[in-house]
Amino acid sequence: MTQKKERRKYPRIKDKDISVKLEGEGFSTITQSLDVSASGIYCKVVERIPLMTRLQIVLSLPAKDRSSGSTNMDIEGVVVREHPVMKDGRVEHYDVAIFFNTLMPKERKKLTQYISRK
């Protein structure tokens, strides 16, 4: 049996501790991450967000310890995958994958440091 080679440039981790605010044309929502990497985030939302939708994203990364506040990151992203999660024949929510298309090197470093701590 052969193993699949990981194609991702950055490792991803399952992490439900990151608060995520998504804003796009005509909507705004707050949710939690399902998993995250230095190139994107996967989360669930109540309303469908079409593929290729551009989003303004605020990630709130939890602090290393409780004595300091969370770190907010303002990022632009694009929805690259979405699919409905069905329950009892109806859509319960949508899982969306968002690619960070304008993550600056300084922010990418913060994010990779956070991921490596986990």
PDB file of N, CA and C in Angstrom:
ATOM      1  N   MET A   1       0.840  -1.176   0.000  1.00  0.00           N
ATOM      2  CA  MET A   1       0.000   0.000   0.000  1.00  0.00           C
ATOM      3  C   MET A   1       0.886   1.241   0.000  1.00  0.00           C
ATOM      4  N   THR A   2       0.650   2.165  -0.917  1.00  0.00           N
ATOM      5  CA  THR A   2       1.458   3.372  -0.996  1.00  0.00           C
ATOM      6  C   THR A   2       0.770   4.510  -0.265  1.00  0.00           C
ATOM      7  N   GLN A   3       1.586   5.363   0.311  1.00  0.00           N
ATOM      8  CA  GLN A   3       1.049   6.532   1.004  1.00  0.00           C
ATOM      9  C   GLN A   3       0.989   7.701   0.044  1.00  0.00           C
ATOM     10  N   LYS A   4      -0.040   8.538   0.207  1.00  0.00           N
ATOM     11  CA  LYS A   4      -0.150   9.746  -0.597  1.00  0.00           C
ATOM     12  C   LYS A   4       0.885  10.755  -0.126  1.00  0.00           C
ATOM     13  N   LYS A   5       1.541  11.386  -1.078  1.00  0.00           N
ATOM     14  CA  LYS A   5       2.508  12.424  -0.749  1.00  0.00           C
ATOM     15  C   LYS A   5       1.757  13.720  -0.441  1.00  0.00           C
ATOM     16  N   GLU A   6       2.128  14.363   0.634  1.00  0.00           N
ATOM     17  CA  GLU A   6       1.520  15.641   1.021  1.00  0.00           C
ATOM     18  C   GLU A   6       1.930  16.706   0.010  1.00  0.00           C
ATOM     19  N   ARG A   7       0.948  17.376  -0.589  1.00  0.00           N
ATOM     20  CA  ARG A   7       1.220  18.390  -1.602  1.00  0.00           C
ATOM     21  C   ARG A   7       1.203  19.799  -1.028  1.00  0.00           C
ATOM     22  N   ARG A   8       0.768  19.954   0.183  1.00  0.00           N
ATOM     23  CA  ARG A   8       0.659  21.294   0.751  1.00  0.00           C
ATOM     24  C   ARG A   8       2.039  21.876   1.054  1.00  0.00           C
ATOM     25  N   LYS A   9       2.164  23.168   0.779  1.00  0.00           N
ATOM     26  CA  LYS A   9       3.419  23.871   1.054  1.00  0.00           C
ATOM     27  C   LYS A   9       3.602  24.092   2.549  1.00  0.00           C
ATOM     28  N   TYR A  10       2.483  24.351   3.253  1.00  0.00           N
ATOM     29  CA  TYR A  10       2.529  24.612   4.688  1.00  0.00           C
ATOM     30  C   TYR A  10       1.713  23.556   5.418  1.00  0.00           C
ATOM     31  N   PRO A  11       2.206  23.094   6.561  1.00  0.00           N
ATOM     32  CA  PRO A  11       1.428  22.106   7.326  1.00  0.00           C
ATOM     33  C   PRO A  11       0.145  22.729   7.868  1.00  0.00           C
ATOM     34  N   ARG A  12      -0.878  21.903   8.007  1.00  0.00           N
ATOM     35  CA  ARG A  12      -2.117  22.386   8.604  1.00  0.00           C
ATOM     36  C   ARG A  12      -2.383  21.607   9.877  1.00  0.00           C
ATOM     37  N   ILE A  13      -3.121  22.258  10.764  1.00  0.00           N
ATOM     38  CA  ILE A  13      -3.482  21.621  12.028  1.00  0.00           C
ATOM     39  C   ILE A  13      -4.976  21.795  12.254  1.00  0.00           C
ATOM     40  N   LYS A  14      -5.556  20.844  12.931  1.00  0.00           N
ATOM     41  CA  LYS A  14      -6.941  20.990  13.372  1.00  0.00           C
ATOM     42  C   LYS A  14      -6.906  21.924  14.573  1.00  0.00           C
ATOM     43  N   ASP A  15      -7.728  22.952  14.532  1.00  0.00           N
ATOM     44  CA  ASP A  15      -7.698  23.954  15.593  1.00  0.00           C
ATOM     45  C   ASP A  15      -9.038  24.679  15.618  1.00  0.00           C
ATOM     46  N   LYS A  16      -9.787  24.490  16.684  1.00  0.00           N
ATOM     47  CA  LYS A  16     -11.082  25.151  16.826  1.00  0.00           C
ATOM     48  C   LYS A  16     -11.002  26.365  17.738  1.00  0.00           C
ATOM     49  N   ASP A  17      -9.782  26.804  18.055  1.00  0.00           N
ATOM     50  CA  ASP A  17      -9.589  27.909  18.992  1.00  0.00           C
ATOM     51  C   ASP A  17      -9.478  29.273  18.321  1.00  0.00           C
ATOM     52  N   ILE A  18      -9.423  29.318  17.008  1.00  0.00           N
ATOM     53  CA  ILE A  18      -9.255  30.589  16.310  1.00  0.00           C
ATOM     54  C   ILE A  18     -10.628  31.157  15.958  1.00  0.00           C
ATOM     55  N   SER A  19     -10.888  32.359  16.419  1.00  0.00           N
ATOM     56  CA  SER A  19     -12.112  33.061  16.049  1.00  0.00           C
ATOM     57  C   SER A  19     -11.889  33.675  14.668  1.00  0.00           C
ATOM     58  N   VAL A  20     -12.902  33.555  13.801  1.00  0.00           N
ATOM     59  CA  VAL A  20     -12.780  34.002  12.423  1.00  0.00           C
ATOM     60  C   VAL A  20     -13.950  34.924  12.092  1.00  0.00           C
ATOM     61  N   LYS A  21     -13.638  36.138  11.656  1.00  0.00           N
ATOM     62  CA  LYS A  21     -14.681  37.053  11.176  1.00  0.00           C
ATOM     63  C   LYS A  21     -14.524  37.153   9.665  1.00  0.00           C
ATOM     64  N   LEU A  22     -15.606  36.869   8.952  1.00  0.00           N
ATOM     65  CA  LEU A  22     -15.606  36.913   7.493  1.00  0.00           C
ATOM     66  C   LEU A  22     -16.536  38.021   7.034  1.00  0.00           C
ATOM     67  N   GLU A  23     -16.049  38.854   6.134  1.00  0.00           N
ATOM     68  CA  GLU A  23     -16.884  39.904   5.550  1.00  0.00           C
ATOM     69  C   GLU A  23     -16.714  39.871   4.046  1.00  0.00           C
ATOM     70  N   GLY A  24     -17.839  39.972   3.371  1.00  0.00           N
ATOM     71  CA  GLY A  24     -17.839  40.018   1.918  1.00  0.00           C
ATOM     72  C   GLY A  24     -18.935  40.956   1.467  1.00  0.00           C
ATOM     73  N   GLU A  25     -19.173  40.963   0.189  1.00  0.00           N
ATOM     74  CA  GLU A  25     -20.186  41.842  -0.357  1.00  0.00           C
ATOM     75  C   GLU A  25     -21.560  41.447   0.176  1.00  0.00           C
ATOM     76  N   GLY A  26     -22.102  42.269   1.076  1.00  0.00           N
ATOM     77  CA  GLY A  26     -23.448  42.052   1.582  1.00  0.00           C
ATOM     78  C   GLY A  26     -23.587  41.097   2.749  1.00  0.00           C
ATOM     79  N   PHE A  27     -22.484  40.628   3.331  1.00  0.00           N
ATOM     80  CA  PHE A  27     -22.627  39.759   4.495  1.00  0.00           C
ATOM     81  C   PHE A  27     -21.437  39.905   5.441  1.00  0.00           C
ATOM     82  N   SER A  28     -21.682  39.482   6.670  1.00  0.00           N
ATOM     83  CA  SER A  28     -20.654  39.456   7.695  1.00  0.00           C
ATOM     84  C   SER A  28     -21.021  38.350   8.664  1.00  0.00           C
ATOM     85  N   THR A  29     -20.052  37.526   9.051  1.00  0.00           N
ATOM     86  CA  THR A  29     -20.326  36.434   9.984  1.00  0.00           C
ATOM     87  C   THR A  29     -19.098  36.162  10.832  1.00  0.00           C
ATOM     88  N   ILE A  30     -19.331  35.604  11.994  1.00  0.00           N
ATOM     89  CA  ILE A  30     -18.248  35.187  12.886  1.00  0.00           C
ATOM     90  C   ILE A  30     -18.392  33.692  13.108  1.00  0.00           C
ATOM     91  N   THR A  31     -17.277  32.984  13.036  1.00  0.00           N
ATOM     92  CA  THR A  31     -17.279  31.538  13.202  1.00  0.00           C
ATOM     93  C   THR A  31     -15.971  31.115  13.865  1.00  0.00           C
ATOM     94  N   GLN A  32     -15.732  29.823  13.925  1.00  0.00           N
ATOM     95  CA  GLN A  32     -14.498  29.262  14.475  1.00  0.00           C
ATOM     96  C   GLN A  32     -13.805  28.450  13.396  1.00  0.00           C
ATOM     97  N   SER A  33     -12.501  28.343  13.499  1.00  0.00           N
ATOM     98  CA  SER A  33     -11.735  27.548  12.551  1.00  0.00           C
ATOM     99  C   SER A  33     -11.984  26.055  12.786  1.00  0.00           C
ATOM    100  N   LEU A  34     -11.838  25.277  11.736  1.00  0.00           N
ATOM    101  CA  LEU A  34     -11.803  23.821  11.852  1.00  0.00           C
ATOM    102  C   LEU A  34     -10.355  23.357  11.724  1.00  0.00           C
ATOM    103  N   ASP A  35      -9.679  23.887  10.710  1.00  0.00           N
ATOM    104  CA  ASP A  35      -8.234  23.699  10.613  1.00  0.00           C
ATOM    105  C   ASP A  35      -7.625  24.921   9.919  1.00  0.00           C
ATOM    106  N   VAL A  36      -6.309  25.043  10.080  1.00  0.00           N
ATOM    107  CA  VAL A  36      -5.629  26.243   9.589  1.00  0.00           C
ATOM    108  C   VAL A  36      -4.214  25.885   9.144  1.00  0.00           C
ATOM    109  N   SER A  37      -3.721  26.624   8.164  1.00  0.00           N
ATOM    110  CA  SER A  37      -2.326  26.552   7.747  1.00  0.00           C
ATOM    111  C   SER A  37      -1.894  27.983   7.431  1.00  0.00           C
ATOM    112  N   ALA A  38      -0.647  28.139   7.038  1.00  0.00           N
ATOM    113  CA  ALA A  38      -0.161  29.472   6.694  1.00  0.00           C
ATOM    114  C   ALA A  38      -0.619  29.899   5.303  1.00  0.00           C
ATOM    115  N   SER A  39      -1.400  29.049   4.634  1.00  0.00           N
ATOM    116  CA  SER A  39      -1.913  29.438   3.318  1.00  0.00           C
ATOM    117  C   SER A  39      -3.435  29.533   3.278  1.00  0.00           C
ATOM    118  N   GLY A  40      -4.117  29.099   4.346  1.00  0.00           N
ATOM    119  CA  GLY A  40      -5.568  29.195   4.331  1.00  0.00           C
ATOM    120  C   GLY A  40      -6.219  28.634   5.579  1.00  0.00           C
ATOM    121  N   ILE A  41      -7.532  28.706   5.579  1.00  0.00           N
ATOM    122  CA  ILE A  41      -8.303  28.251   6.735  1.00  0.00           C
ATOM    123  C   ILE A  41      -9.552  27.515   6.257  1.00  0.00           C
ATOM    124  N   TYR A  42      -9.994  26.573   7.052  1.00  0.00           N
ATOM    125  CA  TYR A  42     -11.192  25.792   6.785  1.00  0.00           C
ATOM    126  C   TYR A  42     -12.137  26.048   7.944  1.00  0.00           C
ATOM    127  N   CYS A  43     -13.371  26.438   7.642  1.00  0.00           N
ATOM    128  CA  CYS A  43     -14.320  26.740   8.705  1.00  0.00           C
ATOM    129  C   CYS A  43     -15.735  26.438   8.232  1.00  0.00           C
ATOM    130  N   LYS A  44     -16.682  26.491   9.162  1.00  0.00           N
ATOM    131  CA  LYS A  44     -18.073  26.271   8.778  1.00  0.00           C
ATOM    132  C   LYS A  44     -18.849  27.562   8.942  1.00  0.00           C
ATOM    133  N   VAL A  45     -19.804  27.753   8.024  1.00  0.00           N
ATOM    134  CA  VAL A  45     -20.643  28.941   8.030  1.00  0.00           C
ATOM    135  C   VAL A  45     -22.091  28.513   7.820  1.00  0.00           C
ATOM    136  N   VAL A  46     -23.008  29.346   8.243  1.00  0.00           N
ATOM    137  CA  VAL A  46     -24.430  29.025   8.147  1.00  0.00           C
ATOM    138  C   VAL A  46     -24.959  29.241   6.728  1.00  0.00           C
ATOM    139  N   GLU A  47     -24.493  30.297   6.074  1.00  0.00           N
ATOM    140  CA  GLU A  47     -24.971  30.602   4.730  1.00  0.00           C
ATOM    141  C   GLU A  47     -23.908  30.267   3.699  1.00  0.00           C
ATOM    142  N   ARG A  48     -24.346  29.872   2.529  1.00  0.00           N
ATOM    143  CA  ARG A  48     -23.434  29.516   1.446  1.00  0.00           C
ATOM    144  C   ARG A  48     -22.659  30.745   0.988  1.00  0.00           C
ATOM    145  N   ILE A  49     -21.355  30.553   0.779  1.00  0.00           N
ATOM    146  CA  ILE A  49     -20.505  31.582   0.187  1.00  0.00           C
ATOM    147  C   ILE A  49     -19.986  30.990  -1.124  1.00  0.00           C
ATOM    148  N   PRO A  50     -20.358  31.567  -2.247  1.00  0.00           N
ATOM    149  CA  PRO A  50     -19.967  30.992  -3.541  1.00  0.00           C
ATOM    150  C   PRO A  50     -18.452  30.929  -3.736  1.00  0.00           C
ATOM    151  N   LEU A  51     -18.030  29.972  -4.564  1.00  0.00           N
ATOM    152  CA  LEU A  51     -16.622  29.855  -4.923  1.00  0.00           C
ATOM    153  C   LEU A  51     -16.108  31.156  -5.521  1.00  0.00           C
ATOM    154  N   MET A  52     -14.859  31.436  -5.266  1.00  0.00           N
ATOM    155  CA  MET A  52     -14.136  32.602  -5.762  1.00  0.00           C
ATOM    156  C   MET A  52     -14.609  33.923  -5.157  1.00  0.00           C
ATOM    157  N   THR A  53     -15.429  33.862  -4.109  1.00  0.00           N
ATOM    158  CA  THR A  53     -15.831  35.076  -3.401  1.00  0.00           C
ATOM    159  C   THR A  53     -14.628  35.633  -2.650  1.00  0.00           C
ATOM    160  N   ARG A  54     -14.374  36.906  -2.809  1.00  0.00           N
ATOM    161  CA  ARG A  54     -13.286  37.576  -2.083  1.00  0.00           C
ATOM    162  C   ARG A  54     -13.805  37.987  -0.713  1.00  0.00           C
ATOM    163  N   LEU A  55     -12.985  37.761   0.306  1.00  0.00           N
ATOM    164  CA  LEU A  55     -13.386  38.036   1.679  1.00  0.00           C
ATOM    165  C   LEU A  55     -12.339  38.864   2.402  1.00  0.00           C
ATOM    166  N   GLN A  56     -12.810  39.675   3.319  1.00  0.00           N
ATOM    167  CA  GLN A  56     -11.948  40.310   4.319  1.00  0.00           C
ATOM    168  C   GLN A  56     -12.067  39.417   5.552  1.00  0.00           C
ATOM    169  N   ILE A  57     -10.939  39.030   6.107  1.00  0.00           N
ATOM    170  CA  ILE A  57     -10.912  38.067   7.206  1.00  0.00           C
ATOM    171  C   ILE A  57     -10.160  38.669   8.380  1.00  0.00           C
ATOM    172  N   VAL A  58     -10.710  38.486   9.569  1.00  0.00           N
ATOM    173  CA  VAL A  58      -9.979  38.821  10.789  1.00  0.00           C
ATOM    174  C   VAL A  58      -9.836  37.524  11.570  1.00  0.00           C
ATOM    175  N   LEU A  59      -8.601  37.085  11.743  1.00  0.00           N
ATOM    176  CA  LEU A  59      -8.310  35.908  12.572  1.00  0.00           C
ATOM    177  C   LEU A  59      -7.898  36.398  13.939  1.00  0.00           C
ATOM    178  N   SER A  60      -8.452  35.816  14.984  1.00  0.00           N
ATOM    179  CA  SER A  60      -8.036  36.114  16.356  1.00  0.00           C
ATOM    180  C   SER A  60      -7.333  34.883  16.902  1.00  0.00           C
ATOM    181  N   LEU A  61      -6.010  34.955  16.915  1.00  0.00           N
ATOM    182  CA  LEU A  61      -5.203  33.835  17.407  1.00  0.00           C
ATOM    183  C   LEU A  61      -5.109  33.914  18.920  1.00  0.00           C
ATOM    184  N   PRO A  62      -5.424  32.828  19.617  1.00  0.00           N
ATOM    185  CA  PRO A  62      -5.310  32.831  21.075  1.00  0.00           C
ATOM    186  C   PRO A  62      -3.869  33.094  21.513  1.00  0.00           C
ATOM    187  N   ALA A  63      -3.733  33.741  22.643  1.00  0.00           N
ATOM    188  CA  ALA A  63      -2.414  34.046  23.198  1.00  0.00           C
ATOM    189  C   ALA A  63      -1.742  32.792  23.736  1.00  0.00           C
ATOM    190  N   LYS A  64      -0.420  32.884  23.893  1.00  0.00           N
ATOM    191  CA  LYS A  64       0.343  31.771  24.466  1.00  0.00           C
ATOM    192  C   LYS A  64      -0.121  31.455  25.879  1.00  0.00           C
ATOM    193  N   ASP A  65      -0.404  32.512  26.624  1.00  0.00           N
ATOM    194  CA  ASP A  65      -0.871  32.322  28.002  1.00  0.00           C
ATOM    195  C   ASP A  65      -2.057  33.251  28.244  1.00  0.00           C
ATOM    196  N   ARG A  66      -2.750  33.043  29.313  1.00  0.00           N
ATOM    197  CA  ARG A  66      -3.979  33.796  29.587  1.00  0.00           C
ATOM    198  C   ARG A  66      -3.733  35.247  30.004  1.00  0.00           C
ATOM    199  N   SER A  67      -2.490  35.577  30.328  1.00  0.00           N
ATOM    200  CA  SER A  67      -2.208  36.932  30.793  1.00  0.00           C
ATOM    201  C   SER A  67      -2.142  37.960  29.654  1.00  0.00           C
ATOM    202  N   SER A  68      -1.949  37.480  28.422  1.00  0.00           N
ATOM    203  CA  SER A  68      -1.901  38.413  27.297  1.00  0.00           C
ATOM    204  C   SER A  68      -3.101  38.190  26.380  1.00  0.00           C
ATOM    205  N   GLY A  69      -3.427  39.211  25.611  1.00  0.00           N
ATOM    206  CA  GLY A  69      -4.596  39.146  24.738  1.00  0.00           C
ATOM    207  C   GLY A  69      -4.320  38.381  23.460  1.00  0.00           C
ATOM    208  N   SER A  70      -5.385  38.173  22.695  1.00  0.00           N
ATOM    209  CA  SER A  70      -5.244  37.464  21.436  1.00  0.00           C
ATOM    210  C   SER A  70      -4.591  38.381  20.391  1.00  0.00           C
ATOM    211  N   THR A  71      -4.079  37.772  19.342  1.00  0.00           N
ATOM    212  CA  THR A  71      -3.465  38.496  18.236  1.00  0.00           C
ATOM    213  C   THR A  71      -4.435  38.500  17.065  1.00  0.00           C
ATOM    214  N   ASN A  72      -4.816  39.692  16.603  1.00  0.00           N
ATOM    215  CA  ASN A  72      -5.710  39.796  15.458  1.00  0.00           C
ATOM    216  C   ASN A  72      -4.901  39.987  14.186  1.00  0.00           C
ATOM    217  N   MET A  73      -5.337  39.307  13.142  1.00  0.00           N
ATOM    218  CA  MET A  73      -4.694  39.417  11.845  1.00  0.00           C
ATOM    219  C   MET A  73      -5.745  39.760  10.802  1.00  0.00           C
ATOM    220  N   ASP A  74      -5.519  40.831  10.034  1.00  0.00           N
ATOM    221  CA  ASP A  74      -6.408  41.214   8.932  1.00  0.00           C
ATOM    222  C   ASP A  74      -5.832  40.642   7.645  1.00  0.00           C
ATOM    223  N   ILE A  75      -6.646  39.828   6.976  1.00  0.00           N
ATOM    224  CA  ILE A  75      -6.182  39.088   5.809  1.00  0.00           C
ATOM    225  C   ILE A  75      -7.254  39.151   4.726  1.00  0.00           C
ATOM    226  N   GLU A  76      -6.829  39.134   3.486  1.00  0.00           N
ATOM    227  CA  GLU A  76      -7.761  38.969   2.381  1.00  0.00           C
ATOM    228  C   GLU A  76      -7.696  37.517   1.936  1.00  0.00           C
ATOM    229  N   GLY A  77      -8.842  36.987   1.538  1.00  0.00           N
ATOM    230  CA  GLY A  77      -8.885  35.606   1.103  1.00  0.00           C
ATOM    231  C   GLY A  77      -9.919  35.381   0.022  1.00  0.00           C
ATOM    232  N   VAL A  78      -9.879  34.175  -0.536  1.00  0.00           N
ATOM    233  CA  VAL A  78     -10.803  33.771  -1.590  1.00  0.00           C
ATOM    234  C   VAL A  78     -11.330  32.380  -1.260  1.00  0.00           C
ATOM    235  N   VAL A  79     -12.647  32.185  -1.391  1.00  0.00           N
ATOM    236  CA  VAL A  79     -13.245  30.869  -1.171  1.00  0.00           C
ATOM    237  C   VAL A  79     -12.840  29.965  -2.330  1.00  0.00           C
ATOM    238  N   VAL A  80     -12.153  28.872  -2.014  1.00  0.00           N
ATOM    239  CA  VAL A  80     -11.695  27.952  -3.052  1.00  0.00           C
ATOM    240  C   VAL A  80     -12.437  26.614  -3.020  1.00  0.00           C
ATOM    241  N   ARG A  81     -13.151  26.369  -1.950  1.00  0.00           N
ATOM    242  CA  ARG A  81     -13.943  25.137  -1.857  1.00  0.00           C
ATOM    243  C   ARG A  81     -15.071  25.374  -0.874  1.00  0.00           C
ATOM    244  N   GLU A  82     -16.239  24.859  -1.204  1.00  0.00           N
ATOM    245  CA  GLU A  82     -17.361  24.918  -0.275  1.00  0.00           C
ATOM    246  C   GLU A  82     -18.249  23.718  -0.544  1.00  0.00           C
ATOM    247  N   HIS A  83     -18.782  23.171   0.528  1.00  0.00           N
ATOM    248  CA  HIS A  83     -19.753  22.107   0.321  1.00  0.00           C
ATOM    249  C   HIS A  83     -20.750  22.088   1.479  1.00  0.00           C
ATOM    250  N   PRO A  84     -21.979  21.778   1.135  1.00  0.00           N
ATOM    251  CA  PRO A  84     -23.016  21.738   2.165  1.00  0.00           C
ATOM    252  C   PRO A  84     -22.887  20.484   3.019  1.00  0.00           C
ATOM    253  N   VAL A  85     -23.147  20.627   4.293  1.00  0.00           N
ATOM    254  CA  VAL A  85     -23.202  19.488   5.216  1.00  0.00           C
ATOM    255  C   VAL A  85     -24.680  19.249   5.492  1.00  0.00           C
ATOM    256  N   MET A  86     -25.138  18.069   5.108  1.00  0.00           N
ATOM    257  CA  MET A  86     -26.563  17.745   5.185  1.00  0.00           C
ATOM    258  C   MET A  86     -26.877  16.985   6.472  1.00  0.00           C
ATOM    259  N   LYS A  87     -28.068  17.243   7.008  1.00  0.00           N
ATOM    260  CA  LYS A  87     -28.577  16.496   8.150  1.00  0.00           C
ATOM    261  C   LYS A  87     -30.090  16.413   7.993  1.00  0.00           C
ATOM    262  N   ASP A  88     -30.602  15.208   8.056  1.00  0.00           N
ATOM    263  CA  ASP A  88     -32.041  14.981   7.906  1.00  0.00           C
ATOM    264  C   ASP A  88     -32.586  15.602   6.617  1.00  0.00           C
ATOM    265  N   GLY A  89     -31.824  15.489   5.529  1.00  0.00           N
ATOM    266  CA  GLY A  89     -32.288  15.954   4.237  1.00  0.00           C
ATOM    267  C   GLY A  89     -32.232  17.449   4.005  1.00  0.00           C
ATOM    268  N   ARG A  90     -31.617  18.189   4.920  1.00  0.00           N
ATOM    269  CA  ARG A  90     -31.509  19.641   4.713  1.00  0.00           C
ATOM    270  C   ARG A  90     -30.083  20.092   5.034  1.00  0.00           C
ATOM    271  N   VAL A  91     -29.739  21.253   4.521  1.00  0.00           N
ATOM    272  CA  VAL A  91     -28.395  21.792   4.756  1.00  0.00           C
ATOM    273  C   VAL A  91     -28.314  22.305   6.186  1.00  0.00           C
ATOM    274  N   GLU A  92     -27.370  21.742   6.943  1.00  0.00           N
ATOM    275  CA  GLU A  92     -27.147  22.189   8.324  1.00  0.00           C
ATOM    276  C   GLU A  92     -26.192  23.382   8.352  1.00  0.00           C
ATOM    277  N   HIS A  93     -25.114  23.296   7.573  1.00  0.00           N
ATOM    278  CA  HIS A  93     -24.151  24.382   7.427  1.00  0.00           C
ATOM    279  C   HIS A  93     -23.284  24.084   6.205  1.00  0.00           C
ATOM    280  N   TYR A  94     -22.368  24.998   5.921  1.00  0.00           N
ATOM    281  CA  TYR A  94     -21.443  24.834   4.808  1.00  0.00           C
ATOM    282  C   TYR A  94     -20.023  24.827   5.354  1.00  0.00           C
ATOM    283  N   ASP A  95     -19.218  23.899   4.870  1.00  0.00           N
ATOM    284  CA  ASP A  95     -17.793  23.917   5.158  1.00  0.00           C
ATOM    285  C   ASP A  95     -17.113  24.654   4.015  1.00  0.00           C
ATOM    286  N   VAL A  96     -16.290  25.644   4.345  1.00  0.00           N
ATOM    287  CA  VAL A  96     -15.615  26.434   3.316  1.00  0.00           C
ATOM    288  C   VAL A  96     -14.105  26.447   3.549  1.00  0.00           C
ATOM    289  N   ALA A  97     -13.377  26.349   2.450  1.00  0.00           N
ATOM    290  CA  ALA A  97     -11.922  26.483   2.468  1.00  0.00           C
ATOM    291  C   ALA A  97     -11.588  27.830   1.856  1.00  0.00           C
ATOM    292  N   ILE A  98     -10.785  28.599   2.575  1.00  0.00           N
ATOM    293  CA  ILE A  98     -10.435  29.947   2.140  1.00  0.00           C
ATOM    294  C   ILE A  98      -8.922  30.039   1.994  1.00  0.00           C
ATOM    295  N   PHE A  99      -8.493  30.449   0.806  1.00  0.00           N
ATOM    296  CA  PHE A  99      -7.080  30.646   0.523  1.00  0.00           C
ATOM    297  C   PHE A  99      -6.711  32.086   0.865  1.00  0.00           C
ATOM    298  N   PHE A 100      -5.617  32.260   1.634  1.00  0.00           N
ATOM    299  CA  PHE A 100      -5.134  33.598   1.966  1.00  0.00           C
ATOM    300  C   PHE A 100      -4.349  34.128   0.763  1.00  0.00           C
ATOM    301  N   ASN A 101      -4.927  35.052   0.009  1.00  0.00           N
ATOM    302  CA  ASN A 101      -4.248  35.514  -1.195  1.00  0.00           C
ATOM    303  C   ASN A 101      -3.365  36.746  -0.982  1.00  0.00           C
ATOM    304  N   THR A 102      -3.448  37.393   0.165  1.00  0.00           N
ATOM    305  CA  THR A 102      -2.589  38.554   0.413  1.00  0.00           C
ATOM    306  C   THR A 102      -1.975  38.516   1.811  1.00  0.00           C
ATOM    307  N   LEU A 103      -1.509  37.372   2.237  1.00  0.00           N
ATOM    308  CA  LEU A 103      -0.877  37.264   3.551  1.00  0.00           C
ATOM    309  C   LEU A 103       0.562  37.764   3.448  1.00  0.00           C
ATOM    310  N   MET A 104       0.856  38.828   4.162  1.00  0.00           N
ATOM    311  CA  MET A 104       2.184  39.425   4.139  1.00  0.00           C
ATOM    312  C   MET A 104       3.159  38.523   4.898  1.00  0.00           C
ATOM    313  N   PRO A 105       4.456  38.580   4.560  1.00  0.00           N
ATOM    314  CA  PRO A 105       5.440  37.716   5.219  1.00  0.00           C
ATOM    315  C   PRO A 105       5.416  37.814   6.751  1.00  0.00           C
ATOM    316  N   LYS A 106       5.220  39.026   7.281  1.00  0.00           N
ATOM    317  CA  LYS A 106       5.186  39.211   8.739  1.00  0.00           C
ATOM    318  C   LYS A 106       4.002  38.444   9.349  1.00  0.00           C
ATOM    319  N   GLU A 107       2.844  38.524   8.699  1.00  0.00           N
ATOM    320  CA  GLU A 107       1.663  37.813   9.197  1.00  0.00           C
ATOM    321  C   GLU A 107       1.827  36.301   9.027  1.00  0.00           C
ATOM    322  N   ARG A 108       2.408  35.886   7.886  1.00  0.00           N
ATOM    323  CA  ARG A 108       2.638  34.455   7.670  1.00  0.00           C
ATOM    324  C   ARG A 108       3.542  33.892   8.760  1.00  0.00           C
ATOM    325  N   LYS A 109       4.539  34.679   9.168  1.00  0.00           N
ATOM    326  CA  LYS A 109       5.449  34.250  10.234  1.00  0.00           C
ATOM    327  C   LYS A 109       4.685  34.088  11.549  1.00  0.00           C
ATOM    328  N   LYS A 110       3.809  35.067  11.880  1.00  0.00           N
ATOM    329  CA  LYS A 110       2.996  34.952  13.105  1.00  0.00           C
ATOM    330  C   LYS A 110       2.156  33.682  13.079  1.00  0.00           C
ATOM    331  N   LEU A 111       1.565  33.422  11.936  1.00  0.00           N
ATOM    332  CA  LEU A 111       0.695  32.261  11.801  1.00  0.00           C
ATOM    333  C   LEU A 111       1.488  30.956  11.889  1.00  0.00           C
ATOM    334  N   THR A 112       2.627  30.881  11.241  1.00  0.00           N
ATOM    335  CA  THR A 112       3.435  29.655  11.313  1.00  0.00           C
ATOM    336  C   THR A 112       3.970  29.436  12.733  1.00  0.00           C
ATOM    337  N   GLN A 113       4.297  30.511  13.436  1.00  0.00           N
ATOM    338  CA  GLN A 113       4.742  30.368  14.827  1.00  0.00           C
ATOM    339  C   GLN A 113       3.589  29.840  15.690  1.00  0.00           C
ATOM    340  N   TYR A 114       2.386  30.356  15.490  1.00  0.00           N
ATOM    341  CA  TYR A 114       1.228  29.866  16.218  1.00  0.00           C
ATOM    342  C   TYR A 114       1.000  28.384  15.942  1.00  0.00           C
ATOM    343  N   ILE A 115       1.063  28.006  14.679  1.00  0.00           N
ATOM    344  CA  ILE A 115       0.826  26.614  14.300  1.00  0.00           C
ATOM    345  C   ILE A 115       1.897  25.705  14.904  1.00  0.00           C
ATOM    346  N   SER A 116       3.143  26.133  14.889  1.00  0.00           N
ATOM    347  CA  SER A 116       4.212  25.295  15.446  1.00  0.00           C
ATOM    348  C   SER A 116       4.103  25.139  16.961  1.00  0.00           C
ATOM    349  N   ARG A 117       3.488  26.128  17.641  1.00  0.00           N
ATOM    350  CA  ARG A 117       3.260  26.003  19.094  1.00  0.00           C
ATOM    351  C   ARG A 117       2.235  24.910  19.401  1.00  0.00           C
ATOM    352  N   LYS A 118       1.307  24.724  18.488  1.00  0.00           N
ATOM    353  CA  LYS A 118       0.222  23.758  18.701  1.00  0.00           C
ATOM    354  C   LYS A 118       0.723  22.361  18.463  1.00  0.00           C
TER     355      LYS A 118
END
